[in-house]
Amino acid sequence: MKLTSPITSINLDSNFHALSDPIRLEILDLLRNRELCVCDLNEALKISQSKLSFHLKVLKEAQLVQSTQEGRWAYYRINLAQFIVLEEYLAQFRRFSPILPPRACEDKT
């Protein structure tokens, strides 16, 4: 059975890429319970502003976070809708993929 997904493979690529870095996972963990200002994220992570900006950009391009600008402050929050789509995609493997016993390799000699 073919797995179908409402998100494109490009989106999947950017989602998995964004989730593959420990710093980005830490950012998402900090945003799990509430929206945070960049200054709060910077203080919690103890990384440079430019490094934080890079990671936030990757997360935003993957649509895993959203931001709001209030004056000179930027606030970030998790984009729960994108996590739901990603979760639904991954759940298809559990629901529709048969678990088969390992196949023995044929000896080609």
Protein backbone atom coordinates (compact mmCIF):
# COMPACT_ATOMS: atom_id res chain seq x y z
CA MET A 1 0.00 0.00 0.00
CA LYS A 2 1.36 3.39 -0.95
CA LEU A 3 1.69 5.97 1.80
CA THR A 4 0.05 9.27 1.00
CA SER A 5 0.64 12.53 2.73
CA PRO A 6 -0.99 15.96 2.64
CA ILE A 7 2.48 17.50 2.81
CA THR A 8 5.00 17.50 0.01
CA SER A 9 8.28 15.66 0.10
CA ILE A 10 10.02 19.05 0.15
CA ASN A 11 8.19 19.90 3.35
CA LEU A 12 9.05 16.51 4.80
CA ASP A 13 12.70 17.05 3.93
CA SER A 14 12.75 20.43 5.66
CA ASN A 15 10.82 19.06 8.66
CA PHE A 16 13.22 16.18 9.22
CA HIS A 17 16.23 18.39 8.56
CA ALA A 18 14.98 20.90 11.13
CA LEU A 19 14.41 18.14 13.66
CA SER A 20 17.88 16.65 13.14
CA ASP A 21 19.81 19.25 15.15
CA PRO A 22 20.11 19.14 18.97
CA ILE A 23 19.94 22.94 19.29
CA ARG A 24 16.73 23.09 17.27
CA LEU A 25 15.25 20.29 19.36
CA GLU A 26 16.15 22.28 22.47
CA ILE A 27 14.44 25.35 21.02
CA LEU A 28 11.30 23.34 20.35
CA ASP A 29 11.41 21.93 23.86
CA LEU A 30 11.60 25.47 25.29
CA LEU A 31 8.64 26.51 23.12
CA ARG A 32 6.61 23.45 24.06
CA ASN A 33 4.66 25.19 26.83
CA ARG A 34 4.62 28.83 25.79
CA GLU A 35 5.61 31.50 23.35
CA LEU A 36 9.02 33.02 24.05
CA CYS A 37 10.90 36.13 23.05
CA VAL A 38 14.19 35.71 21.21
CA CYS A 39 15.96 37.25 24.19
CA ASP A 40 14.50 34.53 26.47
CA LEU A 41 15.59 31.81 24.06
CA ASN A 42 19.05 33.35 23.81
CA GLU A 43 19.42 33.45 27.58
CA ALA A 44 18.22 29.87 28.05
CA LEU A 45 20.41 28.41 25.29
CA LYS A 46 23.57 30.44 25.97
CA ILE A 47 24.40 30.70 22.26
CA SER A 48 25.19 33.72 20.10
CA GLN A 49 22.36 35.76 18.62
CA SER A 50 23.47 34.92 15.08
CA LYS A 51 23.51 31.18 15.79
CA LEU A 52 20.06 31.37 17.38
CA SER A 53 18.74 33.36 14.42
CA PHE A 54 20.04 30.72 12.02
CA HIS A 55 18.30 27.89 13.91
CA LEU A 56 15.06 29.84 14.22
CA LYS A 57 15.15 30.51 10.47
CA VAL A 58 15.49 26.78 9.73
CA LEU A 59 12.58 25.99 12.06
CA LYS A 60 10.46 28.75 10.54
CA GLU A 61 11.20 27.66 6.94
CA ALA A 62 10.16 24.13 7.93
CA GLN A 63 6.93 25.67 9.30
CA LEU A 64 7.57 24.12 12.71
CA VAL A 65 7.52 27.52 14.44
CA GLN A 66 5.74 30.79 13.83
CA SER A 67 6.77 34.26 14.91
CA THR A 68 5.16 37.53 15.83
CA GLN A 69 6.94 40.87 15.75
CA GLU A 70 6.05 43.35 18.48
CA GLY A 71 8.12 46.46 18.11
CA ARG A 72 11.74 45.41 18.19
CA TRP A 73 10.97 42.06 19.84
CA ALA A 74 10.26 38.80 18.02
CA TYR A 75 8.23 36.11 19.76
CA TYR A 76 8.26 32.46 18.67
CA ARG A 77 5.77 29.68 19.23
CA ILE A 78 5.33 26.11 18.01
CA ASN A 79 3.18 25.69 14.90
CA LEU A 80 1.11 22.83 16.25
CA ALA A 81 -0.69 22.33 12.93
CA GLN A 82 2.57 21.32 11.22
CA PHE A 83 3.40 18.87 14.00
CA ILE A 84 -0.03 17.29 13.58
CA VAL A 85 0.57 16.84 9.85
CA LEU A 86 4.00 15.34 10.52
CA GLU A 87 2.57 13.05 13.19
CA GLU A 88 -0.14 11.86 10.80
CA TYR A 89 2.47 11.11 8.14
CA LEU A 90 4.56 9.05 10.57
CA ALA A 91 1.48 7.23 11.89
CA GLN A 92 0.87 5.86 8.39
CA PHE A 93 3.98 3.70 8.75
CA ARG A 94 2.53 2.10 11.85
CA ARG A 95 -0.94 1.60 10.37
CA PHE A 96 -0.18 0.54 6.82
CA SER A 97 3.27 -1.04 6.77
CA PRO A 98 3.35 -4.78 7.27
CA ILE A 99 5.97 -6.10 9.63
CA LEU A 100 7.63 -8.86 7.70
CA PRO A 101 10.28 -11.30 8.91
CA PRO A 102 13.78 -10.58 7.61
CA ARG A 103 14.54 -12.12 4.24
CA ALA A 104 17.69 -14.20 3.84
CA CYS A 105 20.09 -12.96 1.17
CA GLU A 106 20.67 -15.30 -1.72
CA ASP A 107 24.18 -16.57 -2.24
CA LYS A 108 25.19 -15.38 -5.72
CA THR A 109 28.36 -17.50 -5.96
